[in-house]
Structures are given as C-alpha cells and as structure tokens.
Amino acid sequence: MGEPDGTALVEGGRARVYLDAYPDLVLPAHFEFASPVAASNLGSPIKTFTTIFKLDQTDPRLMPDLSAALVLEPPASAGGGAK
C-alpha cells in the first residue's frame, strides 16, 4: 500500500478484494494490521508499507499466488453531511 493511502486505514475498515484470474469474484475483507515502518526500493522516492486484510468469506477457487486488487470502502460517517 502506498504511504498516502495509509490515512484511509481505520480499525475494522472494510474492503473489497478483486482477483485478476476471476473478474466476476468479489470477496469482502476487513483491515487487520499495517506495518508502522514505510520502506522504499533503492533510489525510489515512493514509500510503501505492508498491510494485512483478512477475507470475510472464502471461495473454492482461492489458491496461493493469485494476484488481486483491493478497494477500500469509505468509512461510515457519523452524523449528517458537511455544512
């Protein structure tokens, strides 16, 4: 996960996982952990950190080494809209 996206991570945050091999499959997940230390490749100004999301359901097509994309869901807002 890119460093700027870290501000979107909240305890219990929800996400949707899309597997490249199965475009029709969308799995719900929730945020578990983020490394407190960002790292970058040698010579790169882009910093990333490890995040762990836990799948809330499984599918028989899941197997190791499948590439996936994760989309964070916006947190539920408390109260009304902006004034």
PDB file of N, CA and C in Angstrom:
ATOM      1  N   MET A   1       0.847  -1.156   0.000  1.00  0.00           N
ATOM      2  CA  MET A   1       0.000   0.000   0.000  1.00  0.00           C
ATOM      3  C   MET A   1       0.896   1.222   0.000  1.00  0.00           C
ATOM      4  N   GLY A   2       0.530   2.214  -0.769  1.00  0.00           N
ATOM      5  CA  GLY A   2       1.308   3.437  -0.831  1.00  0.00           C
ATOM      6  C   GLY A   2       1.142   4.271   0.427  1.00  0.00           C
ATOM      7  N   GLU A   3       2.181   5.015   0.790  1.00  0.00           N
ATOM      8  CA  GLU A   3       2.171   5.799   2.026  1.00  0.00           C
ATOM      9  C   GLU A   3       0.988   6.764   2.121  1.00  0.00           C
ATOM     10  N   PRO A   4       0.601   7.483   1.064  1.00  0.00           N
ATOM     11  CA  PRO A   4      -0.534   8.408   1.184  1.00  0.00           C
ATOM     12  C   PRO A   4      -1.855   7.694   1.511  1.00  0.00           C
ATOM     13  N   ASP A   5      -1.968   6.423   1.119  1.00  0.00           N
ATOM     14  CA  ASP A   5      -3.201   5.685   1.378  1.00  0.00           C
ATOM     15  C   ASP A   5      -3.333   5.263   2.835  1.00  0.00           C
ATOM     16  N   GLY A   6      -2.269   5.353   3.594  1.00  0.00           N
ATOM     17  CA  GLY A   6      -2.293   4.939   4.989  1.00  0.00           C
ATOM     18  C   GLY A   6      -3.297   5.697   5.827  1.00  0.00           C
ATOM     19  N   THR A   7      -3.592   6.922   5.456  1.00  0.00           N
ATOM     20  CA  THR A   7      -4.562   7.705   6.221  1.00  0.00           C
ATOM     21  C   THR A   7      -5.970   7.145   6.086  1.00  0.00           C
ATOM     22  N   ALA A   8      -6.224   6.338   5.069  1.00  0.00           N
ATOM     23  CA  ALA A   8      -7.556   5.756   4.868  1.00  0.00           C
ATOM     24  C   ALA A   8      -7.765   4.498   5.697  1.00  0.00           C
ATOM     25  N   LEU A   9      -6.718   3.987   6.329  1.00  0.00           N
ATOM     26  CA  LEU A   9      -6.839   2.762   7.115  1.00  0.00           C
ATOM     27  C   LEU A   9      -7.360   3.078   8.505  1.00  0.00           C
ATOM     28  N   VAL A  10      -8.459   2.452   8.849  1.00  0.00           N
ATOM     29  CA  VAL A  10      -9.032   2.619  10.186  1.00  0.00           C
ATOM     30  C   VAL A  10      -9.337   1.233  10.743  1.00  0.00           C
ATOM     31  N   GLU A  11      -9.312   1.120  12.051  1.00  0.00           N
ATOM     32  CA  GLU A  11      -9.589  -0.160  12.690  1.00  0.00           C
ATOM     33  C   GLU A  11     -10.953  -0.684  12.229  1.00  0.00           C
ATOM     34  N   GLY A  12     -10.968  -1.933  11.776  1.00  0.00           N
ATOM     35  CA  GLY A  12     -12.204  -2.542  11.291  1.00  0.00           C
ATOM     36  C   GLY A  12     -12.619  -2.063   9.911  1.00  0.00           C
ATOM     37  N   GLY A  13     -11.749  -1.312   9.233  1.00  0.00           N
ATOM     38  CA  GLY A  13     -12.070  -0.795   7.904  1.00  0.00           C
ATOM     39  C   GLY A  13     -12.426  -1.912   6.939  1.00  0.00           C
ATOM     40  N   ARG A  14     -13.363  -1.672   6.078  1.00  0.00           N
ATOM     41  CA  ARG A  14     -13.866  -2.665   5.136  1.00  0.00           C
ATOM     42  C   ARG A  14     -13.224  -2.470   3.757  1.00  0.00           C
ATOM     43  N   ALA A  15     -13.151  -3.564   3.013  1.00  0.00           N
ATOM     44  CA  ALA A  15     -12.581  -3.519   1.662  1.00  0.00           C
ATOM     45  C   ALA A  15     -13.219  -4.606   0.810  1.00  0.00           C
ATOM     46  N   ARG A  16     -13.037  -4.475  -0.502  1.00  0.00           N
ATOM     47  CA  ARG A  16     -13.465  -5.497  -1.464  1.00  0.00           C
ATOM     48  C   ARG A  16     -12.213  -5.973  -2.189  1.00  0.00           C
ATOM     49  N   VAL A  17     -12.094  -7.299  -2.338  1.00  0.00           N
ATOM     50  CA  VAL A  17     -10.934  -7.895  -2.994  1.00  0.00           C
ATOM     51  C   VAL A  17     -11.368  -8.448  -4.344  1.00  0.00           C
ATOM     52  N   TYR A  18     -10.665  -8.033  -5.397  1.00  0.00           N
ATOM     53  CA  TYR A  18     -10.933  -8.478  -6.766  1.00  0.00           C
ATOM     54  C   TYR A  18      -9.738  -9.308  -7.229  1.00  0.00           C
ATOM     55  N   LEU A  19      -9.996 -10.530  -7.661  1.00  0.00           N
ATOM     56  CA  LEU A  19      -8.921 -11.404  -8.142  1.00  0.00           C
ATOM     57  C   LEU A  19      -8.799 -11.271  -9.650  1.00  0.00           C
ATOM     58  N   ASP A  20      -7.578 -11.065 -10.135  1.00  0.00           N
ATOM     59  CA  ASP A  20      -7.345 -10.900 -11.569  1.00  0.00           C
ATOM     60  C   ASP A  20      -7.787 -12.130 -12.358  1.00  0.00           C
ATOM     61  N   ALA A  21      -7.591 -13.323 -11.810  1.00  0.00           N
ATOM     62  CA  ALA A  21      -7.920 -14.560 -12.519  1.00  0.00           C
ATOM     63  C   ALA A  21      -9.434 -14.799 -12.603  1.00  0.00           C
ATOM     64  N   TYR A  22     -10.192 -14.189 -11.689  1.00  0.00           N
ATOM     65  CA  TYR A  22     -11.648 -14.391 -11.639  1.00  0.00           C
ATOM     66  C   TYR A  22     -12.332 -13.037 -11.510  1.00  0.00           C
ATOM     67  N   PRO A  23     -12.482 -12.315 -12.610  1.00  0.00           N
ATOM     68  CA  PRO A  23     -13.038 -10.957 -12.553  1.00  0.00           C
ATOM     69  C   PRO A  23     -14.454 -10.887 -11.974  1.00  0.00           C
ATOM     70  N   ASP A  24     -15.190 -11.990 -12.030  1.00  0.00           N
ATOM     71  CA  ASP A  24     -16.556 -11.986 -11.506  1.00  0.00           C
ATOM     72  C   ASP A  24     -16.610 -12.201  -9.995  1.00  0.00           C
ATOM     73  N   LEU A  25     -15.490 -12.535  -9.374  1.00  0.00           N
ATOM     74  CA  LEU A  25     -15.444 -12.837  -7.947  1.00  0.00           C
ATOM     75  C   LEU A  25     -15.014 -11.603  -7.154  1.00  0.00           C
ATOM     76  N   VAL A  26     -15.845 -11.212  -6.194  1.00  0.00           N
ATOM     77  CA  VAL A  26     -15.537 -10.104  -5.296  1.00  0.00           C
ATOM     78  C   VAL A  26     -15.697 -10.625  -3.874  1.00  0.00           C
ATOM     79  N   LEU A  27     -14.633 -10.512  -3.081  1.00  0.00           N
ATOM     80  CA  LEU A  27     -14.663 -11.026  -1.714  1.00  0.00           C
ATOM     81  C   LEU A  27     -14.574  -9.873  -0.716  1.00  0.00           C
ATOM     82  N   PRO A  28     -15.428  -9.881   0.297  1.00  0.00           N
ATOM     83  CA  PRO A  28     -15.333  -8.846   1.331  1.00  0.00           C
ATOM     84  C   PRO A  28     -14.162  -9.148   2.260  1.00  0.00           C
ATOM     85  N   ALA A  29     -13.564  -8.092   2.784  1.00  0.00           N
ATOM     86  CA  ALA A  29     -12.433  -8.236   3.693  1.00  0.00           C
ATOM     87  C   ALA A  29     -12.458  -7.091   4.694  1.00  0.00           C
ATOM     88  N   HIS A  30     -11.643  -7.222   5.733  1.00  0.00           N
ATOM     89  CA  HIS A  30     -11.505  -6.136   6.697  1.00  0.00           C
ATOM     90  C   HIS A  30     -10.039  -5.964   7.073  1.00  0.00           C
ATOM     91  N   PHE A  31      -9.705  -4.745   7.449  1.00  0.00           N
ATOM     92  CA  PHE A  31      -8.332  -4.368   7.793  1.00  0.00           C
ATOM     93  C   PHE A  31      -7.924  -5.023   9.101  1.00  0.00           C
ATOM     94  N   GLU A  32      -6.731  -5.618   9.114  1.00  0.00           N
ATOM     95  CA  GLU A  32      -6.195  -6.273  10.304  1.00  0.00           C
ATOM     96  C   GLU A  32      -4.974  -5.544  10.861  1.00  0.00           C
ATOM     97  N   PHE A  33      -3.991  -5.211  10.019  1.00  0.00           N
ATOM     98  CA  PHE A  33      -2.710  -4.722  10.513  1.00  0.00           C
ATOM     99  C   PHE A  33      -1.984  -3.937   9.428  1.00  0.00           C
ATOM    100  N   ALA A  34      -1.242  -2.933   9.853  1.00  0.00           N
ATOM    101  CA  ALA A  34      -0.353  -2.206   8.940  1.00  0.00           C
ATOM    102  C   ALA A  34       1.000  -2.030   9.623  1.00  0.00           C
ATOM    103  N   SER A  35       2.058  -2.252   8.875  1.00  0.00           N
ATOM    104  CA  SER A  35       3.405  -2.058   9.407  1.00  0.00           C
ATOM    105  C   SER A  35       3.587  -0.586   9.770  1.00  0.00           C
ATOM    106  N   PRO A  36       4.174  -0.299  10.920  1.00  0.00           N
ATOM    107  CA  PRO A  36       4.393   1.099  11.288  1.00  0.00           C
ATOM    108  C   PRO A  36       5.573   1.739  10.551  1.00  0.00           C
ATOM    109  N   VAL A  37       6.317   0.928   9.780  1.00  0.00           N
ATOM    110  CA  VAL A  37       7.508   1.428   9.103  1.00  0.00           C
ATOM    111  C   VAL A  37       7.326   1.344   7.591  1.00  0.00           C
ATOM    112  N   ALA A  38       7.453   2.483   6.915  1.00  0.00           N
ATOM    113  CA  ALA A  38       7.385   2.504   5.457  1.00  0.00           C
ATOM    114  C   ALA A  38       8.775   2.212   4.888  1.00  0.00           C
ATOM    115  N   ALA A  39       8.818   1.623   3.713  1.00  0.00           N
ATOM    116  CA  ALA A  39      10.086   1.296   3.057  1.00  0.00           C
ATOM    117  C   ALA A  39      10.003   1.701   1.592  1.00  0.00           C
ATOM    118  N   SER A  40      11.156   1.821   0.963  1.00  0.00           N
ATOM    119  CA  SER A  40      11.183   2.131  -0.466  1.00  0.00           C
ATOM    120  C   SER A  40      12.290   1.332  -1.126  1.00  0.00           C
ATOM    121  N   ASN A  41      12.145   1.129  -2.430  1.00  0.00           N
ATOM    122  CA  ASN A  41      13.203   0.476  -3.195  1.00  0.00           C
ATOM    123  C   ASN A  41      14.376   1.430  -3.326  1.00  0.00           C
ATOM    124  N   LEU A  42      15.554   0.878  -3.498  1.00  0.00           N
ATOM    125  CA  LEU A  42      16.763   1.672  -3.628  1.00  0.00           C
ATOM    126  C   LEU A  42      16.608   2.700  -4.748  1.00  0.00           C
ATOM    127  N   GLY A  43      16.777   3.956  -4.431  1.00  0.00           N
ATOM    128  CA  GLY A  43      16.704   5.021  -5.420  1.00  0.00           C
ATOM    129  C   GLY A  43      15.302   5.511  -5.727  1.00  0.00           C
ATOM    130  N   SER A  44      14.289   4.944  -5.099  1.00  0.00           N
ATOM    131  CA  SER A  44      12.914   5.348  -5.366  1.00  0.00           C
ATOM    132  C   SER A  44      12.389   6.250  -4.250  1.00  0.00           C
ATOM    133  N   PRO A  45      11.725   7.345  -4.609  1.00  0.00           N
ATOM    134  CA  PRO A  45      11.155   8.210  -3.580  1.00  0.00           C
ATOM    135  C   PRO A  45       9.791   7.691  -3.073  1.00  0.00           C
ATOM    136  N   ILE A  46       9.275   6.656  -3.711  1.00  0.00           N
ATOM    137  CA  ILE A  46       7.956   6.126  -3.350  1.00  0.00           C
ATOM    138  C   ILE A  46       8.098   5.161  -2.185  1.00  0.00           C
ATOM    139  N   LYS A  47       7.371   5.439  -1.111  1.00  0.00           N
ATOM    140  CA  LYS A  47       7.413   4.594   0.079  1.00  0.00           C
ATOM    141  C   LYS A  47       6.133   3.757   0.151  1.00  0.00           C
ATOM    142  N   THR A  48       6.295   2.526   0.577  1.00  0.00           N
ATOM    143  CA  THR A  48       5.158   1.624   0.750  1.00  0.00           C
ATOM    144  C   THR A  48       5.259   0.968   2.122  1.00  0.00           C
ATOM    145  N   PHE A  49       4.149   0.410   2.574  1.00  0.00           N
ATOM    146  CA  PHE A  49       4.189  -0.350   3.808  1.00  0.00           C
ATOM    147  C   PHE A  49       3.267  -1.550   3.675  1.00  0.00           C
ATOM    148  N   THR A  50       3.585  -2.588   4.435  1.00  0.00           N
ATOM    149  CA  THR A  50       2.829  -3.824   4.380  1.00  0.00           C
ATOM    150  C   THR A  50       1.528  -3.670   5.154  1.00  0.00           C
ATOM    151  N   THR A  51       0.443  -4.094   4.533  1.00  0.00           N
ATOM    152  CA  THR A  51      -0.854  -4.111   5.203  1.00  0.00           C
ATOM    153  C   THR A  51      -1.456  -5.501   5.070  1.00  0.00           C
ATOM    154  N   ILE A  52      -2.218  -5.884   6.069  1.00  0.00           N
ATOM    155  CA  ILE A  52      -2.874  -7.186   6.044  1.00  0.00           C
ATOM    156  C   ILE A  52      -4.372  -6.988   6.169  1.00  0.00           C
ATOM    157  N   PHE A  53      -5.080  -7.574   5.218  1.00  0.00           N
ATOM    158  CA  PHE A  53      -6.537  -7.602   5.234  1.00  0.00           C
ATOM    159  C   PHE A  53      -6.963  -9.059   5.326  1.00  0.00           C
ATOM    160  N   LYS A  54      -7.967  -9.326   6.126  1.00  0.00           N
ATOM    161  CA  LYS A  54      -8.458 -10.691   6.293  1.00  0.00           C
ATOM    162  C   LYS A  54      -9.752 -10.848   5.505  1.00  0.00           C
ATOM    163  N   LEU A  55      -9.807 -11.926   4.701  1.00  0.00           N
ATOM    164  CA  LEU A  55     -11.020 -12.207   3.932  1.00  0.00           C
ATOM    165  C   LEU A  55     -12.146 -12.618   4.875  1.00  0.00           C
ATOM    166  N   ASP A  56     -13.342 -12.106   4.627  1.00  0.00           N
ATOM    167  CA  ASP A  56     -14.504 -12.432   5.453  1.00  0.00           C
ATOM    168  C   ASP A  56     -15.247 -13.666   4.954  1.00  0.00           C
ATOM    169  N   GLN A  57     -14.934 -14.087   3.759  1.00  0.00           N
ATOM    170  CA  GLN A  57     -15.506 -15.325   3.228  1.00  0.00           C
ATOM    171  C   GLN A  57     -14.486 -15.950   2.293  1.00  0.00           C
ATOM    172  N   THR A  58     -14.677 -17.203   1.992  1.00  0.00           N
ATOM    173  CA  THR A  58     -13.738 -17.920   1.141  1.00  0.00           C
ATOM    174  C   THR A  58     -14.435 -18.364  -0.137  1.00  0.00           C
ATOM    175  N   ASP A  59     -13.673 -18.917  -1.029  1.00  0.00           N
ATOM    176  CA  ASP A  59     -14.194 -19.419  -2.296  1.00  0.00           C
ATOM    177  C   ASP A  59     -13.310 -20.588  -2.709  1.00  0.00           C
ATOM    178  N   PRO A  60     -13.886 -21.641  -3.272  1.00  0.00           N
ATOM    179  CA  PRO A  60     -13.072 -22.804  -3.656  1.00  0.00           C
ATOM    180  C   PRO A  60     -12.017 -22.497  -4.721  1.00  0.00           C
ATOM    181  N   ARG A  61     -12.158 -21.394  -5.422  1.00  0.00           N
ATOM    182  CA  ARG A  61     -11.175 -21.034  -6.454  1.00  0.00           C
ATOM    183  C   ARG A  61      -9.930 -20.367  -5.889  1.00  0.00           C
ATOM    184  N   LEU A  62      -9.938 -20.001  -4.601  1.00  0.00           N
ATOM    185  CA  LEU A  62      -8.763 -19.361  -3.999  1.00  0.00           C
ATOM    186  C   LEU A  62      -7.600 -20.325  -3.915  1.00  0.00           C
ATOM    187  N   MET A  63      -6.415 -19.822  -4.224  1.00  0.00           N
ATOM    188  CA  MET A  63      -5.181 -20.603  -4.127  1.00  0.00           C
ATOM    189  C   MET A  63      -4.017 -19.632  -3.975  1.00  0.00           C
ATOM    190  N   PRO A  64      -2.866 -20.105  -3.536  1.00  0.00           N
ATOM    191  CA  PRO A  64      -1.706 -19.214  -3.368  1.00  0.00           C
ATOM    192  C   PRO A  64      -1.292 -18.566  -4.692  1.00  0.00           C
ATOM    193  N   ASP A  65      -0.707 -17.407  -4.582  1.00  0.00           N
ATOM    194  CA  ASP A  65      -0.088 -16.678  -5.695  1.00  0.00           C
ATOM    195  C   ASP A  65      -1.054 -16.082  -6.707  1.00  0.00           C
ATOM    196  N   LEU A  66      -2.329 -15.942  -6.373  1.00  0.00           N
ATOM    197  CA  LEU A  66      -3.249 -15.226  -7.259  1.00  0.00           C
ATOM    198  C   LEU A  66      -3.048 -13.734  -7.038  1.00  0.00           C
ATOM    199  N   SER A  67      -2.979 -12.980  -8.130  1.00  0.00           N
ATOM    200  CA  SER A  67      -2.853 -11.531  -7.979  1.00  0.00           C
ATOM    201  C   SER A  67      -4.240 -10.947  -7.749  1.00  0.00           C
ATOM    202  N   ALA A  68      -4.278  -9.869  -6.972  1.00  0.00           N
ATOM    203  CA  ALA A  68      -5.551  -9.277  -6.592  1.00  0.00           C
ATOM    204  C   ALA A  68      -5.418  -7.776  -6.455  1.00  0.00           C
ATOM    205  N   ALA A  69      -6.567  -7.119  -6.497  1.00  0.00           N
ATOM    206  CA  ALA A  69      -6.643  -5.689  -6.209  1.00  0.00           C
ATOM    207  C   ALA A  69      -7.587  -5.524  -5.032  1.00  0.00           C
ATOM    208  N   LEU A  70      -7.287  -4.570  -4.201  1.00  0.00           N
ATOM    209  CA  LEU A  70      -8.096  -4.313  -3.024  1.00  0.00           C
ATOM    210  C   LEU A  70      -8.625  -2.892  -3.108  1.00  0.00           C
ATOM    211  N   VAL A  71      -9.919  -2.723  -2.896  1.00  0.00           N
ATOM    212  CA  VAL A  71     -10.536  -1.401  -2.916  1.00  0.00           C
ATOM    213  C   VAL A  71     -11.093  -1.124  -1.529  1.00  0.00           C
ATOM    214  N   LEU A  72     -10.590  -0.059  -0.916  1.00  0.00           N
ATOM    215  CA  LEU A  72     -11.081   0.317   0.411  1.00  0.00           C
ATOM    216  C   LEU A  72     -12.472   0.918   0.295  1.00  0.00           C
ATOM    217  N   GLU A  73     -13.345   0.550   1.217  1.00  0.00           N
ATOM    218  CA  GLU A  73     -14.674   1.143   1.261  1.00  0.00           C
ATOM    219  C   GLU A  73     -14.604   2.359   2.171  1.00  0.00           C
ATOM    220  N   PRO A  74     -15.301   3.434   1.808  1.00  0.00           N
ATOM    221  CA  PRO A  74     -15.266   4.617   2.678  1.00  0.00           C
ATOM    222  C   PRO A  74     -15.887   4.292   4.032  1.00  0.00           C
ATOM    223  N   PRO A  75     -15.330   4.837   5.109  1.00  0.00           N
ATOM    224  CA  PRO A  75     -15.900   4.582   6.427  1.00  0.00           C
ATOM    225  C   PRO A  75     -17.293   5.194   6.539  1.00  0.00           C
ATOM    226  N   ALA A  76     -18.152   4.559   7.316  1.00  0.00           N
ATOM    227  CA  ALA A  76     -19.491   5.091   7.547  1.00  0.00           C
ATOM    228  C   ALA A  76     -19.341   6.389   8.314  1.00  0.00           C
ATOM    229  N   SER A  77     -19.984   7.442   7.835  1.00  0.00           N
ATOM    230  CA  SER A  77     -19.864   8.741   8.514  1.00  0.00           C
ATOM    231  C   SER A  77     -20.828   8.796   9.682  1.00  0.00           C
ATOM    232  N   ALA A  78     -20.370   9.398  10.737  1.00  0.00           N
ATOM    233  CA  ALA A  78     -21.218   9.571  11.911  1.00  0.00           C
ATOM    234  C   ALA A  78     -21.909  10.923  11.789  1.00  0.00           C
ATOM    235  N   GLY A  79     -23.205  10.901  11.771  1.00  0.00           N
ATOM    236  CA  GLY A  79     -23.944  12.157  11.684  1.00  0.00           C
ATOM    237  C   GLY A  79     -24.260  12.523  10.244  1.00  0.00           C
ATOM    238  N   GLY A  80     -24.614  13.757  10.038  1.00  0.00           N
ATOM    239  CA  GLY A  80     -25.036  14.241   8.719  1.00  0.00           C
ATOM    240  C   GLY A  80     -23.875  14.597   7.834  1.00  0.00           C
ATOM    241  N   GLY A  81     -24.170  15.283   6.751  1.00  0.00           N
ATOM    242  CA  GLY A  81     -23.159  15.686   5.785  1.00  0.00           C
ATOM    243  C   GLY A  81     -22.460  16.957   6.207  1.00  0.00           C
ATOM    244  N   ALA A  82     -21.609  17.469   5.341  1.00  0.00           N
ATOM    245  CA  ALA A  82     -20.874  18.693   5.603  1.00  0.00           C
ATOM    246  C   ALA A  82     -21.801  19.894   5.557  1.00  0.00           C
ATOM    247  N   LYS A  83     -21.459  20.891   6.351  1.00  0.00           N
ATOM    248  CA  LYS A  83     -22.279  22.113   6.382  1.00  0.00           C
ATOM    249  C   LYS A  83     -21.519  23.256   5.797  1.00  0.00           C
TER     250      LYS A  83
END
